[in-house]
Amino acid sequence: MHIPSLKEVVSAEEWQLRCDLAACYRLVAAYGWSDLIFTHVSARIPGPEHQFLINPYGLMFDEITASSLIKIDQDCNKLSDSPYAVNPAGFTIHSCIHQGRDDAGCVLHTHTRAGVAVSAQKCGVLPISQQSTFVLGSLAYHDYEGVALRDDEKPRLQADLGSANYLMLRNHGLLTIGKTIPEAFLAMYTFENTCRIQIDAQAGGELTMVNPQILDGIANVMKVATGGQGAALAWPSLLRKLDRMDPSYKS
């Protein structure tokens, strides 16, 4: 697979976004969250045109590069040349979230084993770990309506999501929203580990719940813990990890 570099073709701002999104796809693969070629991470290109970057349908996540990402519009029409197609059905969820949330710079969706397992539990996310307290501070649920193909589901999904940044798609998987790609990735890292911990803990003895008072003000606690930098604090180290593994995502 050879795709010519777009570094000298697109703006510097778009190229940086492409590199970060390609890195996000590689990290999703590295952490074992991918589902072969299925699911997506979408990123909004800054500007009034409502354009987005998304994965070429057919590439594994560990194959994706900055130049292979496809530029699309709100209706999933391709705006850039590519030998690959885009999966319009997969963009249904992403498009309605980008449309309904101006702050949704990046939307990340997974079908992991632990995420789907907890999404199938009536109790949803339980307050049993420090990780879960971060998620519960901004968590919403959306009931399963079948494979997301129908436009009539979009208003219900937008209404269920509201202003939350974590969305559990019942019987389906996990979704996170970030103003930036690093924010969406770190949110998914926390969400996924929350679900893994819950499944592991449920296999043992009686569970101990976190005091509800601890959930109050958790967003401020996170800001203090990261010096106000949030995901931007961890992202450079994740890029260095990728560079050690395979820097080709930047091509």
Protein backbone atom coordinates (compact mmCIF):
# COMPACT_ATOMS: atom_id res chain seq x y z
CA MET A 1 0.00 0.00 0.00
CA HIS A 2 1.48 3.31 -1.09
CA ILE A 3 -0.41 6.57 -0.65
CA PRO A 4 1.38 9.79 -1.68
CA SER A 5 2.10 12.21 1.14
CA LEU A 6 -0.28 15.13 1.53
CA LYS A 7 2.06 17.12 3.75
CA GLU A 8 2.77 19.70 1.05
CA VAL A 9 -0.80 19.66 -0.26
CA VAL A 10 -2.91 20.50 2.79
CA SER A 11 -2.54 23.35 5.28
CA ALA A 12 -0.15 23.01 8.20
CA GLU A 13 -3.15 22.97 10.55
CA GLU A 14 -4.84 20.12 8.68
CA TRP A 15 -1.58 18.18 8.46
CA GLN A 16 -1.12 18.36 12.24
CA LEU A 17 -4.70 17.18 12.71
CA ARG A 18 -4.04 14.30 10.30
CA CYS A 19 -0.92 13.26 12.22
CA ASP A 20 -2.76 13.34 15.54
CA LEU A 21 -5.72 11.38 14.18
CA ALA A 22 -3.48 8.78 12.56
CA ALA A 23 -1.66 8.49 15.87
CA CYS A 24 -4.99 7.99 17.64
CA TYR A 25 -5.90 5.13 15.29
CA ARG A 26 -2.52 3.49 15.87
CA LEU A 27 -2.93 3.86 19.64
CA VAL A 28 -6.43 2.35 19.51
CA ALA A 29 -4.85 -0.66 17.77
CA ALA A 30 -1.89 -0.78 20.16
CA TYR A 31 -4.18 -0.88 23.21
CA GLY A 32 -6.35 -3.59 21.71
CA TRP A 33 -9.53 -1.56 21.23
CA SER A 34 -9.95 -2.02 17.49
CA ASP A 35 -12.58 -4.27 15.88
CA LEU A 36 -10.75 -5.26 12.69
CA ILE A 37 -11.60 -2.47 10.18
CA PHE A 38 -14.84 -1.50 11.94
CA THR A 39 -15.65 1.45 14.23
CA HIS A 40 -14.26 4.93 13.69
CA VAL A 41 -12.48 7.93 15.09
CA SER A 42 -13.57 11.16 13.42
CA ALA A 43 -12.04 14.62 13.75
CA ARG A 44 -13.51 17.95 12.70
CA ILE A 45 -11.33 20.15 10.51
CA PRO A 46 -11.47 23.70 11.95
CA GLY A 47 -13.45 26.12 9.81
CA PRO A 48 -17.02 26.85 8.71
CA GLU A 49 -17.20 24.12 6.05
CA HIS A 50 -18.13 21.25 8.43
CA GLN A 51 -15.47 18.91 7.07
CA PHE A 52 -14.08 15.87 8.85
CA LEU A 53 -11.28 13.34 8.69
CA ILE A 54 -12.05 9.64 9.00
CA ASN A 55 -10.45 6.26 8.32
CA PRO A 56 -10.38 4.68 4.86
CA TYR A 57 -12.73 1.69 4.93
CA GLY A 58 -10.65 -1.43 4.52
CA LEU A 59 -7.45 -0.51 6.37
CA MET A 60 -6.63 -1.96 9.75
CA PHE A 61 -6.12 0.72 12.37
CA ASP A 62 -2.40 -0.03 12.63
CA GLU A 63 -2.04 0.69 8.89
CA ILE A 64 -3.56 4.16 8.91
CA THR A 65 -1.34 7.13 8.10
CA ALA A 66 -1.83 10.89 8.06
CA SER A 67 -2.10 10.88 4.26
CA SER A 68 -4.48 7.92 4.02
CA LEU A 69 -7.17 9.60 6.12
CA ILE A 70 -10.13 10.71 4.00
CA LYS A 71 -11.72 14.15 4.11
CA ILE A 72 -15.53 14.04 4.08
CA ASP A 73 -18.47 16.39 4.55
CA GLN A 74 -21.37 16.12 7.01
CA ASP A 75 -23.14 13.68 4.68
CA CYS A 76 -20.08 11.42 4.39
CA ASN A 77 -19.30 12.47 0.80
CA LYS A 78 -15.61 12.11 -0.06
CA LEU A 79 -13.84 15.44 -0.56
CA SER A 80 -10.38 14.04 -1.20
CA ASP A 81 -9.02 11.47 -3.63
CA SER A 82 -8.53 8.02 -2.18
CA PRO A 83 -8.51 4.47 -3.54
CA TYR A 84 -10.58 3.51 -0.48
CA ALA A 85 -14.25 3.98 0.29
CA VAL A 86 -15.80 5.43 3.42
CA ASN A 87 -18.31 3.44 5.45
CA PRO A 88 -21.35 5.76 5.52
CA ALA A 89 -23.22 3.57 7.99
CA GLY A 90 -20.36 3.89 10.44
CA PHE A 91 -20.44 7.66 10.19
CA THR A 92 -24.14 7.92 11.13
CA ILE A 93 -23.42 8.13 14.85
CA HIS A 94 -20.44 10.42 14.40
CA SER A 95 -22.19 12.83 12.06
CA CYS A 96 -25.11 13.48 14.37
CA ILE A 97 -22.81 14.07 17.34
CA HIS A 98 -20.60 16.48 15.40
CA GLN A 99 -23.75 18.20 14.17
CA GLY A 100 -25.30 18.50 17.61
CA ARG A 101 -22.18 19.39 19.58
CA ASP A 102 -20.02 22.32 18.49
CA ASP A 103 -17.42 21.23 21.04
CA ALA A 104 -17.07 17.76 19.48
CA GLY A 105 -13.70 18.13 17.82
CA CYS A 106 -13.16 14.37 17.97
CA VAL A 107 -15.54 11.43 18.39
CA LEU A 108 -14.10 8.01 19.25
CA HIS A 109 -16.20 4.83 19.15
CA THR A 110 -15.20 1.28 20.12
CA HIS A 111 -16.66 -2.24 20.29
CA THR A 112 -14.32 -3.70 22.91
CA ARG A 113 -15.13 -6.87 24.79
CA ALA A 114 -15.28 -5.15 28.18
CA GLY A 115 -17.12 -2.12 26.84
CA VAL A 116 -19.84 -4.19 25.18
CA ALA A 117 -20.09 -6.41 28.25
CA VAL A 118 -20.82 -3.49 30.59
CA SER A 119 -23.12 -1.90 28.01
CA ALA A 120 -25.24 -5.06 28.23
CA GLN A 121 -25.55 -4.83 32.02
CA LYS A 122 -28.71 -3.20 33.36
CA CYS A 123 -26.70 -1.48 36.10
CA GLY A 124 -24.39 0.24 33.62
CA VAL A 125 -21.20 1.73 35.05
CA LEU A 126 -20.88 1.10 38.78
CA PRO A 127 -19.02 3.49 41.12
CA ILE A 128 -16.46 0.92 42.21
CA SER A 129 -13.14 2.39 41.07
CA GLN A 130 -11.34 5.71 40.86
CA GLN A 131 -11.56 5.43 37.08
CA SER A 132 -15.34 5.05 37.24
CA THR A 133 -15.69 8.30 39.20
CA PHE A 134 -14.16 10.22 36.29
CA VAL A 135 -16.61 8.61 33.85
CA LEU A 136 -19.71 8.96 36.03
CA GLY A 137 -19.19 12.70 36.22
CA SER A 138 -20.16 13.03 32.54
CA LEU A 139 -21.89 9.81 31.45
CA ALA A 140 -24.99 9.27 29.29
CA TYR A 141 -26.74 6.16 27.91
CA HIS A 142 -28.45 5.45 24.59
CA ASP A 143 -30.64 2.37 24.11
CA TYR A 144 -29.86 -0.02 21.28
CA GLU A 145 -31.98 0.45 18.15
CA GLY A 146 -30.14 -1.96 15.86
CA VAL A 147 -27.24 -1.17 13.55
CA ALA A 148 -27.05 2.62 13.31
CA LEU A 149 -28.27 3.15 9.76
CA ARG A 150 -31.39 5.25 10.13
CA ASP A 151 -31.47 9.04 10.20
CA ASP A 152 -34.52 9.02 12.48
CA GLU A 153 -32.34 7.70 15.34
CA LYS A 154 -30.11 10.79 15.28
CA PRO A 155 -32.38 13.13 17.30
CA ARG A 156 -32.79 10.52 20.03
CA LEU A 157 -29.07 9.92 20.18
CA GLN A 158 -28.38 13.67 20.41
CA ALA A 159 -31.00 14.07 23.14
CA ASP A 160 -29.63 11.14 25.16
CA LEU A 161 -26.07 12.43 24.86
CA GLY A 162 -26.86 15.98 25.93
CA SER A 163 -23.70 17.64 27.22
CA ALA A 164 -22.01 14.42 28.39
CA ASN A 165 -18.56 13.43 27.13
CA TYR A 166 -18.95 9.69 27.76
CA LEU A 167 -21.71 7.76 26.02
CA MET A 168 -22.54 4.12 26.64
CA LEU A 169 -24.37 2.69 23.64
CA ARG A 170 -26.43 -0.08 25.19
CA ASN A 171 -25.61 -3.57 23.84
CA HIS A 172 -23.18 -1.92 21.43
CA GLY A 173 -20.09 -0.24 22.87
CA LEU A 174 -18.43 2.91 24.10
CA LEU A 175 -18.10 6.42 22.72
CA THR A 176 -16.17 9.45 23.90
CA ILE A 177 -16.12 13.08 22.84
CA GLY A 178 -13.28 15.56 23.12
CA LYS A 179 -12.60 19.11 22.05
CA THR A 180 -9.33 17.64 20.78
CA ILE A 181 -8.10 14.23 19.66
CA PRO A 182 -5.97 13.78 22.82
CA GLU A 183 -9.02 14.53 24.99
CA ALA A 184 -11.18 11.93 23.25
CA PHE A 185 -8.38 9.34 23.46
CA LEU A 186 -7.68 9.86 27.16
CA ALA A 187 -11.41 9.73 27.88
CA MET A 188 -11.64 6.38 26.09
CA TYR A 189 -8.60 5.09 27.95
CA THR A 190 -10.40 5.87 31.20
CA PHE A 191 -13.76 4.52 29.97
CA GLU A 192 -12.29 1.25 28.73
CA ASN A 193 -10.35 0.65 31.95
CA THR A 194 -13.48 1.45 33.96
CA CYS A 195 -15.28 -1.36 32.14
CA ARG A 196 -12.40 -3.82 32.41
CA ILE A 197 -12.11 -3.20 36.15
CA GLN A 198 -15.86 -3.66 36.60
CA ILE A 199 -15.95 -6.99 34.77
CA ASP A 200 -12.92 -8.22 36.74
CA ALA A 201 -14.36 -7.05 40.07
CA GLN A 202 -17.70 -8.70 39.40
CA ALA A 203 -15.91 -12.02 38.98
CA GLY A 204 -14.80 -11.81 42.61
CA GLY A 205 -16.59 -11.14 45.89
CA GLU A 206 -18.99 -8.49 47.10
CA LEU A 207 -18.35 -5.04 45.63
CA THR A 208 -17.58 -1.90 47.60
CA MET A 209 -19.16 1.25 46.18
CA VAL A 210 -17.46 4.65 46.18
CA ASN A 211 -19.05 7.21 48.49
CA PRO A 212 -21.40 9.34 46.33
CA GLN A 213 -20.00 12.51 47.89
CA ILE A 214 -16.68 11.79 46.22
CA LEU A 215 -18.34 12.13 42.80
CA ASP A 216 -19.14 15.77 43.51
CA GLY A 217 -16.58 18.12 42.03
CA ILE A 218 -14.67 15.32 40.30
CA ALA A 219 -14.06 17.49 37.22
CA ASN A 220 -12.17 20.00 39.33
CA VAL A 221 -10.17 17.21 40.94
CA MET A 222 -9.06 16.08 37.47
CA LYS A 223 -7.91 19.59 36.58
CA VAL A 224 -5.83 19.78 39.75
CA ALA A 225 -4.35 16.31 39.15
CA THR A 226 -3.17 17.27 35.65
CA GLY A 227 -2.14 20.83 36.39
CA GLY A 228 -5.00 22.10 34.22
CA GLN A 229 -3.47 20.52 31.12
CA GLY A 230 -5.74 17.50 30.91
CA ALA A 231 -5.01 15.14 28.03
CA ALA A 232 -2.34 17.48 26.62
CA LEU A 233 -0.10 16.35 29.47
CA ALA A 234 -0.14 12.68 28.41
CA TRP A 235 -0.35 13.05 24.62
CA PRO A 236 3.36 13.85 23.91
CA SER A 237 4.42 10.72 25.79
CA LEU A 238 1.96 8.63 23.78
CA LEU A 239 3.41 10.03 20.55
CA ARG A 240 6.91 9.14 21.75
CA LYS A 241 5.64 5.61 22.44
CA LEU A 242 4.34 5.41 18.87
CA ASP A 243 7.58 6.78 17.44
CA ARG A 244 9.48 4.01 19.17
CA MET A 245 7.07 1.40 17.81
CA ASP A 246 6.51 2.65 14.25
CA PRO A 247 6.70 6.31 13.18
CA SER A 248 5.07 5.62 9.80
CA TYR A 249 1.74 7.04 11.04
CA LYS A 250 3.21 10.48 10.22
CA SER A 251 3.63 9.67 6.52
